Amino acid sequence: MDPASQDINLNSPNKGLGVDRSDSLSDVPVEGAVGNSANPLPPGLTEEEAEELHTELTKVEEEISTLRQVLSAKERHAAELRRKLGLNPLNELRQNLTKSWQDVQTSNAYKKTQETLSQAGQKTSAALSTVGTAISRRLGDMRNSATFKSFEDKVGNLKYKVVGPKGNGEAVGSPTDTTPTQENPPF
């Protein structure tokens, strides 16, 4: 089947059926038909008016095409100017974000939130300072208590038993020690 003889009109009831154009009904004259059989005239239009409208339509389509070409040229020119100025999409995005952040910082809501958080931070700092002072005082009181003194004495005694009387910060088995190192093996 020759592709030229296929009906490619997707709205046709014969699409893809390989209809032979030589038998097409469009070649058969219809009684009372006026004008071009491919484009029948709408009611109320003369052939001259239809021809005028076709001419105007052609001109408008040419203008649209010309305007698209002009727009494309202008867009290329603008892109070239941006490139020469060092403006690329990333820089533009960065500038937009910076401006947006500045706008947020100058907004009333941001200022009120910042003020509230600042006050909350000051109050929290004061509270933590008070808690720190209370803990220091409590630890001082605890160090002066009889229980802590007893515990400190027991640790001191244990140190004396482990290190001996030379526990003044001098290491056991120092080079000035005269005892052999065999008696004090390292762990």
Foldseek 3Di string as FASTA:
>chain_A
DDPVQADCPPPDPCHPVSHGVVPDPLPPDDPPQDDDSVDGDDPPDDPVRVVVVVVVVVVVVVVVVVVVVVVVVVVVVVVVVCVVVVHDPVNVVVVVVVVVVVVCCPDPVNVVVVVVVVVVVVVVVVVVVVVVVVVVVVVVVVCPDPVVVVVVVVVVVVCCVVQNPPPPVDDPPDPVDPDDCVVVDDD
